Amino acid sequence: MTLEYLVLYEQGPESWGAYVPDLPGCVAAAKTREEVEALIREAIAFHIRGLRADGEPIPPPTLQAGVVTVAA
């Protein structure tokens, strides 16, 4: 089964953070965007394995995102 979840990335002063709104508590942080992308992928898989192990339902991906360009 393949699932695609929306991941939000935030750049801080010295690091990057990522979280998955459809999977509460699924977060990652790292020094670079590339590192946090790898870590959040692992975190999602770990989170889903934990839900399965506990007999909990896996929340379906429900969120989508887009980018809007405006003149400033």
N, C-alpha and C. Protein backbone atom coordinates (compact mmCIF):
# COMPACT_ATOMS: atom_id res chain seq x y z
N MET A 1 0.85 -1.17 0.00
CA MET A 1 0.00 0.00 0.00
C MET A 1 0.90 1.24 0.00
N THR A 2 0.58 2.17 -0.85
CA THR A 2 1.33 3.42 -0.91
C THR A 2 0.43 4.56 -0.47
N LEU A 3 0.93 5.37 0.44
CA LEU A 3 0.20 6.55 0.92
C LEU A 3 1.05 7.79 0.68
N GLU A 4 0.42 8.89 0.38
CA GLU A 4 1.12 10.16 0.21
C GLU A 4 0.55 11.17 1.19
N TYR A 5 1.38 11.59 2.14
CA TYR A 5 0.96 12.56 3.14
C TYR A 5 1.58 13.92 2.86
N LEU A 6 0.84 14.96 3.15
CA LEU A 6 1.36 16.31 3.08
C LEU A 6 2.36 16.52 4.21
N VAL A 7 3.53 17.01 3.88
CA VAL A 7 4.57 17.33 4.87
C VAL A 7 4.82 18.82 4.80
N LEU A 8 4.80 19.48 5.94
CA LEU A 8 5.11 20.91 6.01
C LEU A 8 6.53 21.08 6.53
N TYR A 9 7.30 21.88 5.84
CA TYR A 9 8.69 22.15 6.21
C TYR A 9 8.80 23.59 6.69
N GLU A 10 9.55 23.78 7.75
CA GLU A 10 9.79 25.13 8.29
C GLU A 10 11.28 25.33 8.49
N GLN A 11 11.76 26.43 7.94
CA GLN A 11 13.17 26.77 8.13
C GLN A 11 13.32 27.71 9.31
N GLY A 12 14.10 27.29 10.29
CA GLY A 12 14.39 28.12 11.44
C GLY A 12 15.72 28.80 11.27
N PRO A 13 16.16 29.56 12.26
CA PRO A 13 17.43 30.28 12.15
C PRO A 13 18.63 29.36 11.95
N GLU A 14 18.56 28.15 12.52
CA GLU A 14 19.72 27.25 12.43
C GLU A 14 19.37 25.82 12.06
N SER A 15 18.09 25.55 11.77
CA SER A 15 17.71 24.18 11.45
C SER A 15 16.40 24.17 10.67
N TRP A 16 16.01 22.97 10.26
CA TRP A 16 14.76 22.76 9.57
C TRP A 16 13.87 21.84 10.39
N GLY A 17 12.57 22.06 10.33
CA GLY A 17 11.61 21.19 10.97
C GLY A 17 10.62 20.69 9.94
N ALA A 18 10.00 19.56 10.22
CA ALA A 18 8.98 19.01 9.34
C ALA A 18 7.92 18.35 10.20
N TYR A 19 6.67 18.44 9.74
CA TYR A 19 5.61 17.73 10.43
C TYR A 19 4.52 17.33 9.45
N VAL A 20 3.72 16.35 9.87
CA VAL A 20 2.69 15.77 9.03
C VAL A 20 1.34 16.00 9.72
N PRO A 21 0.57 16.98 9.27
CA PRO A 21 -0.70 17.30 9.95
C PRO A 21 -1.67 16.13 10.05
N ASP A 22 -1.66 15.23 9.08
CA ASP A 22 -2.56 14.08 9.12
C ASP A 22 -2.12 13.00 10.11
N LEU A 23 -0.87 13.10 10.60
CA LEU A 23 -0.34 12.14 11.56
C LEU A 23 0.16 12.90 12.79
N PRO A 24 -0.73 13.28 13.68
CA PRO A 24 -0.33 14.07 14.84
C PRO A 24 0.84 13.42 15.60
N GLY A 25 1.83 14.25 15.90
CA GLY A 25 3.00 13.77 16.61
C GLY A 25 4.11 13.30 15.71
N CYS A 26 3.88 13.24 14.42
CA CYS A 26 4.91 12.80 13.47
C CYS A 26 5.71 14.02 13.03
N VAL A 27 6.91 14.16 13.60
CA VAL A 27 7.74 15.34 13.37
C VAL A 27 9.20 14.93 13.18
N ALA A 28 9.98 15.84 12.64
CA ALA A 28 11.43 15.64 12.50
C ALA A 28 12.11 17.00 12.49
N ALA A 29 13.39 17.01 12.84
CA ALA A 29 14.19 18.24 12.79
C ALA A 29 15.60 17.85 12.40
N ALA A 30 16.25 18.74 11.65
CA ALA A 30 17.62 18.49 11.20
C ALA A 30 18.27 19.79 10.79
N LYS A 31 19.55 19.72 10.54
CA LYS A 31 20.33 20.91 10.18
C LYS A 31 19.98 21.41 8.77
N THR A 32 19.68 20.49 7.84
CA THR A 32 19.41 20.90 6.46
C THR A 32 18.05 20.38 5.99
N ARG A 33 17.57 20.95 4.93
CA ARG A 33 16.29 20.51 4.34
C ARG A 33 16.40 19.06 3.87
N GLU A 34 17.52 18.73 3.25
CA GLU A 34 17.71 17.37 2.75
C GLU A 34 17.67 16.36 3.90
N GLU A 35 18.32 16.69 4.99
CA GLU A 35 18.33 15.79 6.14
C GLU A 35 16.93 15.63 6.74
N VAL A 36 16.21 16.72 6.86
CA VAL A 36 14.88 16.64 7.46
C VAL A 36 13.92 15.88 6.55
N GLU A 37 14.10 15.98 5.23
CA GLU A 37 13.26 15.21 4.32
C GLU A 37 13.47 13.71 4.52
N ALA A 38 14.70 13.29 4.67
CA ALA A 38 14.98 11.87 4.91
C ALA A 38 14.42 11.43 6.25
N LEU A 39 14.60 12.27 7.27
CA LEU A 39 14.13 11.91 8.61
C LEU A 39 12.60 11.84 8.69
N ILE A 40 11.90 12.75 8.02
CA ILE A 40 10.44 12.72 8.10
C ILE A 40 9.89 11.51 7.35
N ARG A 41 10.56 11.11 6.27
CA ARG A 41 10.15 9.90 5.56
C ARG A 41 10.24 8.69 6.50
N GLU A 42 11.36 8.60 7.23
CA GLU A 42 11.54 7.52 8.20
C GLU A 42 10.51 7.63 9.34
N ALA A 43 10.24 8.85 9.78
CA ALA A 43 9.29 9.08 10.87
C ALA A 43 7.88 8.64 10.47
N ILE A 44 7.49 8.91 9.24
CA ILE A 44 6.16 8.51 8.77
C ILE A 44 6.05 6.99 8.77
N ALA A 45 7.05 6.32 8.22
CA ALA A 45 7.03 4.85 8.19
C ALA A 45 6.99 4.29 9.61
N PHE A 46 7.79 4.84 10.51
CA PHE A 46 7.82 4.40 11.91
C PHE A 46 6.47 4.61 12.58
N HIS A 47 5.88 5.78 12.34
CA HIS A 47 4.58 6.13 12.92
C HIS A 47 3.51 5.13 12.48
N ILE A 48 3.49 4.83 11.18
CA ILE A 48 2.49 3.90 10.65
C ILE A 48 2.71 2.49 11.20
N ARG A 49 3.97 2.07 11.29
CA ARG A 49 4.25 0.75 11.88
C ARG A 49 3.74 0.69 13.32
N GLY A 50 3.94 1.76 14.07
CA GLY A 50 3.47 1.81 15.45
C GLY A 50 1.96 1.74 15.55
N LEU A 51 1.27 2.45 14.67
CA LEU A 51 -0.19 2.39 14.66
C LEU A 51 -0.67 0.97 14.37
N ARG A 52 -0.06 0.34 13.38
CA ARG A 52 -0.44 -1.04 13.04
C ARG A 52 -0.18 -1.97 14.22
N ALA A 53 0.98 -1.84 14.84
CA ALA A 53 1.34 -2.71 15.97
C ALA A 53 0.36 -2.56 17.12
N ASP A 54 -0.17 -1.35 17.29
CA ASP A 54 -1.12 -1.08 18.38
C ASP A 54 -2.56 -1.37 17.98
N GLY A 55 -2.77 -1.81 16.73
CA GLY A 55 -4.12 -2.09 16.26
C GLY A 55 -4.94 -0.84 16.01
N GLU A 56 -4.27 0.28 15.83
CA GLU A 56 -4.96 1.56 15.59
C GLU A 56 -5.16 1.75 14.08
N PRO A 57 -6.19 2.48 13.70
CA PRO A 57 -6.38 2.76 12.28
C PRO A 57 -5.31 3.73 11.77
N ILE A 58 -4.97 3.58 10.52
CA ILE A 58 -4.02 4.49 9.88
C ILE A 58 -4.82 5.64 9.27
N PRO A 59 -4.59 6.87 9.74
CA PRO A 59 -5.35 7.99 9.19
C PRO A 59 -5.07 8.16 7.69
N PRO A 60 -6.11 8.30 6.91
CA PRO A 60 -5.88 8.50 5.48
C PRO A 60 -5.33 9.91 5.23
N PRO A 61 -4.54 10.05 4.18
CA PRO A 61 -4.10 11.40 3.82
C PRO A 61 -5.32 12.21 3.38
N THR A 62 -5.49 13.39 3.98
CA THR A 62 -6.65 14.21 3.62
C THR A 62 -6.26 15.60 3.15
N LEU A 63 -5.06 16.03 3.46
CA LEU A 63 -4.66 17.40 3.15
C LEU A 63 -3.91 17.49 1.83
N GLN A 64 -4.11 18.61 1.15
CA GLN A 64 -3.37 18.92 -0.06
C GLN A 64 -2.88 20.35 0.06
N ALA A 65 -1.86 20.67 -0.69
CA ALA A 65 -1.32 22.01 -0.66
C ALA A 65 -1.07 22.50 -2.07
N GLY A 66 -1.02 23.79 -2.20
CA GLY A 66 -0.70 24.40 -3.48
C GLY A 66 0.11 25.66 -3.21
N VAL A 67 0.64 26.20 -4.27
CA VAL A 67 1.41 27.44 -4.18
C VAL A 67 0.70 28.48 -5.04
N VAL A 68 0.54 29.66 -4.49
CA VAL A 68 -0.10 30.76 -5.19
C VAL A 68 0.92 31.87 -5.35
N THR A 69 1.09 32.36 -6.55
CA THR A 69 2.00 33.45 -6.84
C THR A 69 1.21 34.75 -6.96
N VAL A 70 1.66 35.79 -6.25
CA VAL A 70 1.00 37.08 -6.33
C VAL A 70 2.05 38.16 -6.52
N ALA A 71 1.66 39.24 -7.14
CA ALA A 71 2.56 40.38 -7.29
C ALA A 71 2.60 41.15 -5.96
N ALA A 72 3.78 41.54 -5.56
CA ALA A 72 3.89 42.26 -4.29
C ALA A 72 4.31 43.69 -4.53
